[in-house]
């Protein structure tokens, strides 16, 4: 059986690159933490750290365990939260523009239908949000379709359109853009200010 306690010990050493600082963080003696790492390494038959008198560096196996271990620890924490609490938790990550517009009405309607679920909405850059999702630290992402199209891990994601949001062009009444055939290419010949759009969306513009 995999011991999450040992994985937490490994995670602390990996982040600090120092047994003394890691031991202080998790409230163990340095010798006890060293023993935990040796037990983990022995159980798997692989070295997770390269140790010298001056440094502690992860091995290739250590780097691989860190990537997989983050997912496992995050999932375990979510399971613990939902098991111990009376209410379910739905963690949603989105951009600032989405959070400031149509989310409020959706939240009110959701709470009417699912009163025992606690909603947590956080505004986050899309690059960070997708990593949170892939590590099981979030349940759902809400972003513009152009942003979603630029996400990594596309083959591992399920996407669904939930809202069609119209875009409006604002200009002076005498601006020359009003005198042209307003195709996208023609409109983009002018200088524009795009409000509250994330970098991935802007990169997808022609």
N, C-alpha and C. Protein backbone atom coordinates (compact mmCIF):
# COMPACT_ATOMS: atom_id res chain seq x y z
N UNK A 1 0.85 -1.20 0.00
CA UNK A 1 0.00 0.00 0.00
C UNK A 1 0.89 1.25 0.00
N UNK A 2 0.52 2.24 -0.81
CA UNK A 2 1.31 3.46 -0.89
C UNK A 2 1.06 4.33 0.33
N UNK A 3 2.14 4.81 0.94
CA UNK A 3 2.05 5.61 2.17
C UNK A 3 2.11 7.09 1.81
N UNK A 4 0.97 7.79 1.93
CA UNK A 4 0.93 9.21 1.61
C UNK A 4 1.82 10.03 2.55
N UNK A 5 2.01 9.54 3.76
CA UNK A 5 2.87 10.24 4.71
C UNK A 5 4.30 10.31 4.18
N UNK A 6 4.80 9.22 3.64
CA UNK A 6 6.15 9.21 3.07
C UNK A 6 6.22 10.12 1.84
N UNK A 7 5.14 10.15 1.07
CA UNK A 7 5.13 11.02 -0.11
C UNK A 7 5.17 12.49 0.29
N UNK A 8 4.48 12.84 1.36
CA UNK A 8 4.54 14.21 1.87
C UNK A 8 5.96 14.55 2.34
N UNK A 9 6.63 13.59 2.96
CA UNK A 9 8.01 13.82 3.39
C UNK A 9 8.92 14.04 2.18
N UNK A 10 8.74 13.20 1.16
CA UNK A 10 9.51 13.36 -0.07
C UNK A 10 9.26 14.74 -0.69
N UNK A 11 8.00 15.16 -0.73
CA UNK A 11 7.65 16.44 -1.33
C UNK A 11 8.36 17.59 -0.62
N UNK A 12 8.43 17.55 0.70
CA UNK A 12 9.08 18.62 1.45
C UNK A 12 10.57 18.68 1.13
N UNK A 13 11.22 17.53 1.07
CA UNK A 13 12.66 17.50 0.75
C UNK A 13 12.88 17.98 -0.68
N UNK A 14 12.02 17.57 -1.59
CA UNK A 14 12.15 17.98 -2.99
C UNK A 14 12.08 19.50 -3.12
N UNK A 15 11.12 20.12 -2.44
CA UNK A 15 10.94 21.56 -2.55
C UNK A 15 12.06 22.35 -1.89
N UNK A 16 12.51 21.89 -0.75
CA UNK A 16 13.53 22.64 0.00
C UNK A 16 14.96 22.31 -0.43
N UNK A 17 15.14 21.12 -1.04
CA UNK A 17 16.49 20.65 -1.38
C UNK A 17 17.38 20.66 -0.13
N UNK A 18 16.74 20.40 1.00
CA UNK A 18 17.47 20.49 2.26
C UNK A 18 16.69 19.70 3.32
N UNK A 19 17.33 18.72 3.94
CA UNK A 19 16.64 17.88 4.92
C UNK A 19 16.28 18.66 6.18
N UNK A 20 17.15 19.56 6.60
CA UNK A 20 16.91 20.31 7.83
C UNK A 20 15.68 21.20 7.69
N UNK A 21 15.59 21.96 6.57
CA UNK A 21 14.45 22.85 6.36
C UNK A 21 13.16 22.07 6.15
N UNK A 22 13.27 20.93 5.44
CA UNK A 22 12.08 20.11 5.21
C UNK A 22 11.58 19.52 6.52
N UNK A 23 12.50 19.06 7.36
CA UNK A 23 12.11 18.49 8.65
C UNK A 23 11.43 19.53 9.53
N UNK A 24 11.94 20.75 9.50
CA UNK A 24 11.34 21.83 10.29
C UNK A 24 9.93 22.13 9.81
N UNK A 25 9.71 22.10 8.50
CA UNK A 25 8.39 22.40 7.95
C UNK A 25 7.35 21.38 8.40
N UNK A 26 7.70 20.10 8.39
CA UNK A 26 6.70 19.07 8.67
C UNK A 26 6.73 18.59 10.12
N UNK A 27 7.62 19.17 10.92
CA UNK A 27 7.63 18.87 12.35
C UNK A 27 8.25 17.55 12.73
N UNK A 28 9.31 17.16 12.01
CA UNK A 28 10.05 15.95 12.32
C UNK A 28 11.50 16.30 12.64
N UNK A 29 12.18 15.37 13.29
CA UNK A 29 13.62 15.54 13.43
C UNK A 29 14.27 15.22 12.09
N UNK A 30 15.46 15.75 11.86
CA UNK A 30 16.13 15.51 10.60
C UNK A 30 16.43 14.02 10.41
N UNK A 31 16.78 13.34 11.49
CA UNK A 31 17.09 11.90 11.38
C UNK A 31 15.84 11.10 11.03
N UNK A 32 14.69 11.49 11.60
CA UNK A 32 13.45 10.78 11.29
C UNK A 32 13.05 10.99 9.83
N UNK A 33 13.25 12.21 9.33
CA UNK A 33 12.93 12.48 7.92
C UNK A 33 13.87 11.71 7.00
N UNK A 34 15.13 11.68 7.34
CA UNK A 34 16.10 10.92 6.54
C UNK A 34 15.71 9.45 6.47
N UNK A 35 15.27 8.91 7.61
CA UNK A 35 14.83 7.52 7.65
C UNK A 35 13.61 7.30 6.77
N UNK A 36 12.66 8.24 6.77
CA UNK A 36 11.47 8.12 5.94
C UNK A 36 11.83 8.04 4.47
N UNK A 37 12.74 8.91 4.04
CA UNK A 37 13.15 8.90 2.63
C UNK A 37 13.84 7.60 2.28
N UNK A 38 14.68 7.08 3.19
CA UNK A 38 15.36 5.80 2.94
C UNK A 38 14.36 4.66 2.84
N UNK A 39 13.31 4.69 3.68
CA UNK A 39 12.27 3.67 3.61
C UNK A 39 11.56 3.71 2.27
N UNK A 40 11.24 4.93 1.80
CA UNK A 40 10.58 5.09 0.51
C UNK A 40 11.46 4.60 -0.62
N UNK A 41 12.73 4.96 -0.59
CA UNK A 41 13.66 4.52 -1.63
C UNK A 41 13.84 3.00 -1.61
N UNK A 42 13.92 2.42 -0.43
CA UNK A 42 14.11 0.98 -0.31
C UNK A 42 12.89 0.21 -0.80
N UNK A 43 11.71 0.75 -0.51
CA UNK A 43 10.48 0.05 -0.91
C UNK A 43 10.32 0.02 -2.42
N UNK A 44 10.88 1.01 -3.10
CA UNK A 44 10.78 1.05 -4.55
C UNK A 44 12.06 0.61 -5.25
N UNK A 45 13.13 0.47 -4.49
CA UNK A 45 14.39 0.05 -5.07
C UNK A 45 15.02 1.07 -6.00
N UNK A 46 14.87 2.36 -5.66
CA UNK A 46 15.42 3.42 -6.51
C UNK A 46 15.84 4.60 -5.64
N UNK A 47 16.92 5.28 -6.05
CA UNK A 47 17.34 6.49 -5.35
C UNK A 47 16.52 7.67 -5.84
N UNK A 48 15.96 8.42 -4.90
CA UNK A 48 15.16 9.59 -5.25
C UNK A 48 15.94 10.89 -5.15
N UNK A 49 17.03 10.87 -4.37
CA UNK A 49 17.87 12.05 -4.21
C UNK A 49 19.34 11.67 -4.32
N UNK A 50 20.09 12.59 -4.86
CA UNK A 50 21.55 12.47 -4.86
C UNK A 50 22.07 13.37 -3.75
N UNK A 51 22.70 12.77 -2.74
CA UNK A 51 23.10 13.51 -1.55
C UNK A 51 24.61 13.70 -1.51
N UNK A 52 25.02 14.91 -1.19
CA UNK A 52 26.41 15.21 -0.89
C UNK A 52 26.43 15.98 0.43
N UNK A 53 27.61 16.31 0.90
CA UNK A 53 27.68 17.08 2.15
C UNK A 53 27.15 18.49 1.96
N UNK A 54 27.04 18.96 0.73
CA UNK A 54 26.63 20.34 0.48
C UNK A 54 25.26 20.48 -0.17
N UNK A 55 24.74 19.43 -0.76
CA UNK A 55 23.49 19.58 -1.51
C UNK A 55 22.66 18.30 -1.50
N UNK A 56 21.39 18.48 -1.77
CA UNK A 56 20.45 17.38 -1.96
C UNK A 56 19.72 17.67 -3.27
N UNK A 57 19.96 16.84 -4.27
CA UNK A 57 19.37 17.06 -5.59
C UNK A 57 18.54 15.85 -6.01
N UNK A 58 17.36 16.08 -6.56
CA UNK A 58 16.53 14.96 -7.02
C UNK A 58 17.20 14.22 -8.18
N UNK A 59 17.05 12.91 -8.20
CA UNK A 59 17.46 12.12 -9.34
C UNK A 59 16.36 12.19 -10.41
N UNK A 60 16.60 11.54 -11.55
CA UNK A 60 15.55 11.48 -12.57
C UNK A 60 14.30 10.81 -12.03
N UNK A 61 14.49 9.76 -11.23
CA UNK A 61 13.34 9.09 -10.61
C UNK A 61 12.62 10.04 -9.65
N UNK A 62 13.40 10.86 -8.95
CA UNK A 62 12.80 11.84 -8.04
C UNK A 62 11.95 12.85 -8.76
N UNK A 63 12.44 13.32 -9.91
CA UNK A 63 11.64 14.28 -10.71
C UNK A 63 10.35 13.63 -11.19
N UNK A 64 10.41 12.37 -11.62
CA UNK A 64 9.20 11.69 -12.10
C UNK A 64 8.20 11.49 -10.96
N UNK A 65 8.74 11.15 -9.77
CA UNK A 65 7.83 10.96 -8.63
C UNK A 65 7.19 12.28 -8.23
N UNK A 66 7.92 13.37 -8.32
CA UNK A 66 7.35 14.67 -7.96
C UNK A 66 6.15 15.01 -8.85
N UNK A 67 6.31 14.78 -10.16
CA UNK A 67 5.22 15.09 -11.10
C UNK A 67 3.98 14.26 -10.81
N UNK A 68 4.18 12.95 -10.58
CA UNK A 68 3.05 12.07 -10.30
C UNK A 68 2.54 12.27 -8.87
N UNK A 69 3.47 12.54 -7.95
CA UNK A 69 3.09 12.69 -6.55
C UNK A 69 2.22 13.90 -6.29
N UNK A 70 2.45 14.99 -7.02
CA UNK A 70 1.61 16.17 -6.88
C UNK A 70 0.16 15.84 -7.17
N UNK A 71 -0.06 15.07 -8.24
CA UNK A 71 -1.42 14.67 -8.60
C UNK A 71 -2.05 13.84 -7.50
N UNK A 72 -1.28 12.89 -6.98
CA UNK A 72 -1.81 11.99 -5.96
C UNK A 72 -2.13 12.73 -4.67
N UNK A 73 -1.24 13.61 -4.24
CA UNK A 73 -1.48 14.37 -3.00
C UNK A 73 -2.68 15.30 -3.14
N UNK A 74 -2.78 15.95 -4.30
CA UNK A 74 -3.91 16.86 -4.52
C UNK A 74 -5.22 16.09 -4.52
N UNK A 75 -5.23 14.93 -5.18
CA UNK A 75 -6.45 14.13 -5.22
C UNK A 75 -6.81 13.63 -3.82
N UNK A 76 -5.82 13.22 -3.06
CA UNK A 76 -6.07 12.74 -1.70
C UNK A 76 -6.65 13.85 -0.83
N UNK A 77 -6.16 15.08 -1.01
CA UNK A 77 -6.66 16.20 -0.22
C UNK A 77 -8.11 16.51 -0.58
N UNK A 78 -8.43 16.44 -1.88
CA UNK A 78 -9.81 16.69 -2.30
C UNK A 78 -10.75 15.62 -1.76
N UNK A 79 -10.30 14.37 -1.78
CA UNK A 79 -11.12 13.27 -1.25
C UNK A 79 -11.34 13.47 0.25
N UNK A 80 -10.30 13.86 0.95
CA UNK A 80 -10.40 14.09 2.39
C UNK A 80 -11.38 15.22 2.69
N UNK A 81 -11.29 16.31 1.93
CA UNK A 81 -12.17 17.46 2.15
C UNK A 81 -13.63 17.08 1.96
N UNK A 82 -13.90 16.34 0.88
CA UNK A 82 -15.28 15.98 0.59
C UNK A 82 -15.80 14.91 1.55
N UNK A 83 -14.90 14.05 2.04
CA UNK A 83 -15.32 12.99 2.95
C UNK A 83 -15.64 13.55 4.34
N UNK A 84 -14.82 14.45 4.83
CA UNK A 84 -15.01 14.98 6.17
C UNK A 84 -16.10 16.05 6.25
N UNK A 85 -16.33 16.73 5.14
CA UNK A 85 -17.33 17.79 5.15
C UNK A 85 -18.72 17.27 4.81
N UNK A 86 -19.73 18.00 5.24
CA UNK A 86 -21.10 17.63 4.92
C UNK A 86 -21.49 18.08 3.52
N UNK A 87 -20.77 19.03 2.98
CA UNK A 87 -21.11 19.57 1.67
C UNK A 87 -20.04 19.21 0.65
N UNK A 88 -20.45 19.03 -0.55
CA UNK A 88 -19.51 18.79 -1.64
C UNK A 88 -18.89 20.13 -2.05
N UNK A 89 -17.73 20.05 -2.67
CA UNK A 89 -17.02 21.26 -3.09
C UNK A 89 -16.78 21.18 -4.59
N UNK A 90 -17.12 22.26 -5.30
CA UNK A 90 -16.85 22.37 -6.73
C UNK A 90 -15.91 23.55 -6.92
N UNK A 91 -14.71 23.28 -7.35
CA UNK A 91 -13.67 24.31 -7.49
C UNK A 91 -13.55 24.67 -8.97
N UNK A 92 -13.84 25.93 -9.30
CA UNK A 92 -13.88 26.39 -10.68
C UNK A 92 -12.84 27.50 -10.87
N UNK A 93 -12.02 27.36 -11.90
CA UNK A 93 -11.03 28.37 -12.24
C UNK A 93 -11.42 29.05 -13.53
N UNK A 94 -11.21 30.35 -13.60
CA UNK A 94 -11.62 31.10 -14.79
C UNK A 94 -10.80 32.37 -14.90
N UNK A 95 -11.04 33.13 -15.96
CA UNK A 95 -10.37 34.40 -16.14
C UNK A 95 -11.16 35.53 -15.50
N UNK A 96 -10.50 36.66 -15.30
CA UNK A 96 -11.15 37.79 -14.63
C UNK A 96 -12.38 38.27 -15.40
N UNK A 97 -12.30 38.30 -16.73
CA UNK A 97 -13.43 38.79 -17.53
C UNK A 97 -14.66 37.91 -17.36
N UNK A 98 -14.47 36.60 -17.35
CA UNK A 98 -15.60 35.68 -17.16
C UNK A 98 -16.16 35.82 -15.75
N UNK A 99 -15.27 35.93 -14.78
CA UNK A 99 -15.70 36.02 -13.38
C UNK A 99 -16.52 37.28 -13.14
N UNK A 100 -16.23 38.36 -13.88
CA UNK A 100 -16.92 39.63 -13.67
C UNK A 100 -18.21 39.75 -14.45
N UNK A 101 -18.52 38.79 -15.33
CA UNK A 101 -19.68 38.95 -16.20
C UNK A 101 -20.78 37.93 -15.89
N UNK A 102 -20.76 36.77 -16.58
CA UNK A 102 -21.94 35.91 -16.51
C UNK A 102 -21.91 34.90 -15.37
N UNK A 103 -20.85 34.84 -14.60
CA UNK A 103 -20.74 33.82 -13.55
C UNK A 103 -21.78 34.00 -12.46
N UNK A 104 -22.10 35.24 -12.10
CA UNK A 104 -22.96 35.49 -10.94
C UNK A 104 -24.34 34.87 -11.08
N UNK A 105 -24.97 35.03 -12.25
CA UNK A 105 -26.29 34.44 -12.46
C UNK A 105 -26.22 32.92 -12.44
N UNK A 106 -25.15 32.39 -13.03
CA UNK A 106 -25.00 30.93 -13.06
C UNK A 106 -24.85 30.37 -11.66
N UNK A 107 -24.11 31.07 -10.81
CA UNK A 107 -23.90 30.62 -9.43
C UNK A 107 -25.22 30.59 -8.67
N UNK A 108 -26.02 31.64 -8.82
CA UNK A 108 -27.31 31.70 -8.13
C UNK A 108 -28.22 30.54 -8.54
N UNK A 109 -28.24 30.25 -9.83
CA UNK A 109 -29.08 29.16 -10.32
C UNK A 109 -28.56 27.81 -9.84
N UNK A 110 -27.23 27.66 -9.83
CA UNK A 110 -26.63 26.40 -9.39
C UNK A 110 -26.94 26.13 -7.92
N UNK A 111 -26.87 27.16 -7.10
CA UNK A 111 -27.12 26.99 -5.67
C UNK A 111 -28.56 26.61 -5.39
N UNK A 112 -29.48 27.07 -6.23
CA UNK A 112 -30.88 26.67 -6.07
C UNK A 112 -31.05 25.18 -6.33
N UNK A 113 -30.32 24.67 -7.33
CA UNK A 113 -30.46 23.27 -7.70
C UNK A 113 -29.61 22.34 -6.84
N UNK A 114 -28.47 22.85 -6.34
CA UNK A 114 -27.54 22.01 -5.57
C UNK A 114 -27.14 22.76 -4.29
N UNK A 115 -28.04 22.87 -3.34
CA UNK A 115 -27.77 23.67 -2.14
C UNK A 115 -26.67 23.11 -1.25
N UNK A 116 -26.35 21.81 -1.39
CA UNK A 116 -25.34 21.20 -0.52
C UNK A 116 -23.95 21.20 -1.14
N UNK A 117 -23.79 21.91 -2.25
CA UNK A 117 -22.48 22.01 -2.89
C UNK A 117 -21.92 23.41 -2.70
N UNK A 118 -20.71 23.49 -2.21
CA UNK A 118 -20.06 24.78 -2.02
C UNK A 118 -19.22 25.10 -3.26
N UNK A 119 -19.49 26.25 -3.85
CA UNK A 119 -18.76 26.68 -5.06
C UNK A 119 -17.58 27.56 -4.68
N UNK A 120 -16.44 27.26 -5.27
CA UNK A 120 -15.26 28.09 -5.10
C UNK A 120 -14.81 28.55 -6.48
N UNK A 121 -14.90 29.86 -6.74
CA UNK A 121 -14.46 30.43 -8.00
C UNK A 121 -13.17 31.21 -7.77
N UNK A 122 -12.18 30.96 -8.60
CA UNK A 122 -10.91 31.68 -8.51
C UNK A 122 -10.52 32.18 -9.89
N UNK A 123 -10.08 33.44 -9.96
CA UNK A 123 -9.54 33.99 -11.21
C UNK A 123 -8.07 33.62 -11.29
N UNK A 124 -7.67 33.09 -12.44
CA UNK A 124 -6.30 32.59 -12.56
C UNK A 124 -5.87 32.65 -14.03
N UNK A 125 -4.61 32.96 -14.33
CA UNK A 125 -4.15 32.90 -15.71
C UNK A 125 -4.36 31.50 -16.28
N UNK A 126 -4.71 31.40 -17.55
CA UNK A 126 -5.07 30.08 -18.10
C UNK A 126 -3.95 29.05 -18.03
N UNK A 127 -2.69 29.48 -18.18
CA UNK A 127 -1.59 28.53 -18.09
C UNK A 127 -1.52 27.86 -16.73
N UNK A 128 -1.70 28.66 -15.67
CA UNK A 128 -1.69 28.11 -14.31
C UNK A 128 -2.94 27.27 -14.06
N UNK A 129 -4.08 27.70 -14.61
CA UNK A 129 -5.33 26.99 -14.38
C UNK A 129 -5.31 25.59 -14.97
N UNK A 130 -4.77 25.45 -16.18
CA UNK A 130 -4.76 24.13 -16.80
C UNK A 130 -3.88 23.17 -16.02
N UNK A 131 -2.80 23.69 -15.44
CA UNK A 131 -1.94 22.82 -14.62
C UNK A 131 -2.66 22.40 -13.34
N UNK A 132 -3.45 23.32 -12.75
CA UNK A 132 -4.24 22.97 -11.57
C UNK A 132 -5.25 21.87 -11.91
N UNK A 133 -5.86 21.97 -13.08
CA UNK A 133 -6.83 20.96 -13.50
C UNK A 133 -6.15 19.61 -13.71
N UNK A 134 -5.00 19.61 -14.37
CA UNK A 134 -4.32 18.36 -14.66
C UNK A 134 -3.79 17.70 -13.40
N UNK A 135 -3.58 18.48 -12.35
CA UNK A 135 -3.10 17.94 -11.08
C UNK A 135 -4.25 17.65 -10.10
N UNK A 136 -5.47 17.65 -10.62
CA UNK A 136 -6.66 17.35 -9.81
C UNK A 136 -6.88 18.35 -8.68
N UNK A 137 -6.43 19.59 -8.87
CA UNK A 137 -6.66 20.62 -7.86
C UNK A 137 -7.85 21.51 -8.22
N UNK A 138 -8.49 21.22 -9.32
CA UNK A 138 -9.68 21.95 -9.76
C UNK A 138 -10.59 20.98 -10.49
N UNK A 139 -11.90 21.29 -10.49
CA UNK A 139 -12.86 20.42 -11.16
C UNK A 139 -13.23 20.92 -12.55
N UNK A 140 -13.17 22.24 -12.74
CA UNK A 140 -13.74 22.82 -13.96
C UNK A 140 -13.02 24.12 -14.30
N UNK A 141 -12.82 24.36 -15.59
CA UNK A 141 -12.28 25.64 -16.07
C UNK A 141 -13.31 26.32 -16.97
N UNK A 142 -13.40 27.64 -16.87
CA UNK A 142 -14.26 28.43 -17.75
C UNK A 142 -13.41 29.50 -18.42
N UNK A 143 -13.19 29.34 -19.74
CA UNK A 143 -12.39 30.30 -20.49
C UNK A 143 -12.96 30.47 -21.89
N UNK A 144 -12.51 31.53 -22.55
CA UNK A 144 -12.93 31.80 -23.92
C UNK A 144 -12.47 30.65 -24.83
N UNK A 145 -13.23 30.41 -25.89
CA UNK A 145 -12.93 29.30 -26.79
C UNK A 145 -11.54 29.41 -27.42
N UNK A 146 -11.11 30.66 -27.73
CA UNK A 146 -9.78 30.83 -28.28
C UNK A 146 -8.71 30.42 -27.27
N UNK A 147 -8.96 30.73 -26.02
CA UNK A 147 -8.03 30.35 -24.96
C UNK A 147 -7.96 28.84 -24.82
N UNK A 148 -9.13 28.21 -24.82
CA UNK A 148 -9.19 26.75 -24.69
C UNK A 148 -8.46 26.07 -25.84
N UNK A 149 -8.58 26.64 -27.03
CA UNK A 149 -7.93 26.04 -28.20
C UNK A 149 -6.41 26.05 -28.07
N UNK A 150 -5.87 26.95 -27.26
CA UNK A 150 -4.43 27.04 -27.09
C UNK A 150 -3.91 26.23 -25.89
N UNK A 151 -4.82 25.58 -25.16
CA UNK A 151 -4.40 24.82 -24.00
C UNK A 151 -3.51 23.63 -24.39
N UNK A 152 -2.50 23.35 -23.56
CA UNK A 152 -1.81 22.06 -23.72
C UNK A 152 -2.70 20.94 -23.20
N UNK A 153 -2.25 19.70 -23.35
CA UNK A 153 -2.98 18.51 -22.87
C UNK A 153 -4.34 18.38 -23.55
N UNK A 154 -4.46 18.91 -24.78
CA UNK A 154 -5.78 18.94 -25.43
C UNK A 154 -6.40 17.55 -25.52
N UNK A 155 -5.57 16.52 -25.77
CA UNK A 155 -6.10 15.17 -25.93
C UNK A 155 -6.65 14.60 -24.63
N UNK A 156 -6.33 15.23 -23.50
CA UNK A 156 -6.81 14.73 -22.20
C UNK A 156 -7.98 15.54 -21.66
N UNK A 157 -8.46 16.50 -22.44
CA UNK A 157 -9.51 17.39 -21.96
C UNK A 157 -10.84 17.13 -22.67
N UNK A 158 -11.91 17.32 -21.93
CA UNK A 158 -13.24 17.34 -22.53
C UNK A 158 -13.75 18.77 -22.48
N UNK A 159 -14.09 19.32 -23.61
CA UNK A 159 -14.55 20.71 -23.67
C UNK A 159 -16.00 20.77 -24.13
N UNK A 160 -16.70 21.74 -23.63
CA UNK A 160 -18.11 21.93 -23.99
C UNK A 160 -18.43 23.42 -23.97
N UNK A 161 -19.09 23.89 -25.02
CA UNK A 161 -19.49 25.29 -25.07
C UNK A 161 -20.68 25.51 -24.15
N UNK A 162 -20.55 26.48 -23.25
CA UNK A 162 -21.63 26.71 -22.28
C UNK A 162 -22.30 28.07 -22.45
N UNK A 163 -21.69 28.94 -23.26
CA UNK A 163 -22.26 30.28 -23.40
C UNK A 163 -21.73 30.94 -24.66
N UNK A 164 -22.59 31.64 -25.36
CA UNK A 164 -22.16 32.44 -26.51
C UNK A 164 -22.19 33.90 -26.08
N UNK A 165 -21.03 34.52 -26.00
CA UNK A 165 -20.94 35.89 -25.53
C UNK A 165 -20.68 36.83 -26.71
N UNK A 166 -21.58 37.77 -26.98
CA UNK A 166 -21.34 38.70 -28.09
C UNK A 166 -20.21 39.67 -27.76
N UNK A 167 -19.50 40.08 -28.80
CA UNK A 167 -18.45 41.09 -28.64
C UNK A 167 -18.94 42.39 -29.29
N UNK A 168 -18.63 43.50 -28.68
CA UNK A 168 -19.07 44.80 -29.19
C UNK A 168 -17.86 45.66 -29.53
N UNK A 169 -17.98 46.39 -30.63
CA UNK A 169 -16.94 47.31 -31.04
C UNK A 169 -17.38 48.73 -30.68
N UNK A 170 -16.55 49.45 -29.98
CA UNK A 170 -16.85 50.83 -29.61
C UNK A 170 -15.87 51.75 -30.32
N UNK A 171 -16.39 52.81 -30.90
CA UNK A 171 -15.53 53.78 -31.59
C UNK A 171 -16.22 55.14 -31.58
N UNK A 172 -15.48 56.17 -31.98
CA UNK A 172 -16.10 57.48 -32.16
C UNK A 172 -17.06 57.43 -33.35
N UNK A 173 -18.03 58.34 -33.35
CA UNK A 173 -19.02 58.34 -34.43
C UNK A 173 -18.40 58.66 -35.78
N UNK A 174 -17.26 59.40 -35.76
CA UNK A 174 -16.64 59.79 -37.02
C UNK A 174 -15.41 58.95 -37.35
N UNK A 175 -15.23 57.82 -36.67
CA UNK A 175 -14.03 56.99 -36.90
C UNK A 175 -14.11 56.35 -38.28
N UNK A 176 -12.98 56.32 -39.03
CA UNK A 176 -12.99 55.74 -40.39
C UNK A 176 -13.32 54.26 -40.43
N UNK A 177 -13.24 53.56 -39.32
CA UNK A 177 -13.58 52.14 -39.33
C UNK A 177 -15.05 51.93 -39.70
N UNK A 178 -15.87 52.94 -39.48
CA UNK A 178 -17.30 52.83 -39.78
C UNK A 178 -17.59 52.97 -41.27
N UNK A 179 -16.59 53.39 -42.03
CA UNK A 179 -16.79 53.61 -43.46
C UNK A 179 -16.31 52.45 -44.32
N UNK A 180 -15.83 51.38 -43.71
CA UNK A 180 -15.28 50.27 -44.48
C UNK A 180 -16.21 49.07 -44.42
N UNK A 181 -15.94 48.11 -45.30
CA UNK A 181 -16.62 46.83 -45.23
C UNK A 181 -16.03 46.09 -44.03
N UNK A 182 -16.80 45.94 -42.98
CA UNK A 182 -16.25 45.53 -41.70
C UNK A 182 -16.00 44.01 -41.62
N UNK A 183 -15.05 43.55 -42.42
CA UNK A 183 -14.57 42.19 -42.25
C UNK A 183 -13.52 42.20 -41.14
N UNK A 184 -13.20 41.03 -40.61
CA UNK A 184 -12.23 40.96 -39.52
C UNK A 184 -10.87 41.48 -39.97
N UNK A 185 -10.42 41.09 -41.16
CA UNK A 185 -9.10 41.52 -41.64
C UNK A 185 -9.05 43.04 -41.81
N UNK A 186 -10.14 43.62 -42.33
CA UNK A 186 -10.17 45.06 -42.53
C UNK A 186 -10.19 45.79 -41.19
N UNK A 187 -10.95 45.28 -40.25
CA UNK A 187 -11.04 45.93 -38.94
C UNK A 187 -9.72 45.89 -38.20
N UNK A 188 -8.99 44.79 -38.34
CA UNK A 188 -7.72 44.65 -37.61
C UNK A 188 -6.60 45.50 -38.19
N UNK A 189 -6.87 46.19 -39.30
CA UNK A 189 -5.87 47.12 -39.82
C UNK A 189 -5.76 48.36 -38.94
N UNK A 190 -6.75 48.57 -38.09
CA UNK A 190 -6.72 49.70 -37.17
C UNK A 190 -6.15 49.26 -35.82
N UNK A 191 -5.78 50.24 -35.00
CA UNK A 191 -5.30 49.94 -33.66
C UNK A 191 -6.50 49.74 -32.73
N UNK A 192 -6.38 48.71 -31.88
CA UNK A 192 -7.49 48.37 -30.99
C UNK A 192 -7.01 48.21 -29.56
N UNK A 193 -7.90 48.45 -28.64
CA UNK A 193 -7.67 48.10 -27.24
C UNK A 193 -8.66 46.99 -26.89
N UNK A 194 -8.13 45.84 -26.47
CA UNK A 194 -8.97 44.71 -26.10
C UNK A 194 -8.97 44.60 -24.59
N UNK A 195 -10.15 44.66 -23.99
CA UNK A 195 -10.27 44.75 -22.53
C UNK A 195 -10.42 43.36 -21.91
N UNK A 196 -9.64 43.12 -20.85
CA UNK A 196 -9.80 41.93 -20.01
C UNK A 196 -9.68 40.63 -20.78
N UNK A 197 -8.75 40.56 -21.71
CA UNK A 197 -8.54 39.31 -22.43
C UNK A 197 -7.20 38.72 -22.03
N UNK A 198 -7.18 37.41 -21.86
CA UNK A 198 -5.95 36.76 -21.40
C UNK A 198 -4.97 36.60 -22.56
N UNK A 199 -3.68 36.38 -22.27
CA UNK A 199 -2.65 36.29 -23.31
C UNK A 199 -2.91 35.21 -24.34
N UNK A 200 -3.45 34.05 -23.92
CA UNK A 200 -3.71 32.98 -24.89
C UNK A 200 -4.74 33.40 -25.92
N UNK A 201 -5.75 34.17 -25.49
CA UNK A 201 -6.76 34.66 -26.42
C UNK A 201 -6.12 35.63 -27.42
N UNK A 202 -5.32 36.56 -26.92
CA UNK A 202 -4.71 37.55 -27.79
C UNK A 202 -3.79 36.91 -28.83
N UNK A 203 -3.11 35.84 -28.45
CA UNK A 203 -2.22 35.16 -29.39
C UNK A 203 -2.97 34.52 -30.54
N UNK A 204 -4.25 34.18 -30.33
CA UNK A 204 -5.03 33.54 -31.38
C UNK A 204 -5.65 34.52 -32.36
N UNK A 205 -5.58 35.84 -32.04
CA UNK A 205 -6.10 36.83 -32.97
C UNK A 205 -5.24 36.89 -34.23
N UNK A 206 -5.86 37.12 -35.40
CA UNK A 206 -5.07 37.17 -36.64
C UNK A 206 -4.05 38.30 -36.61
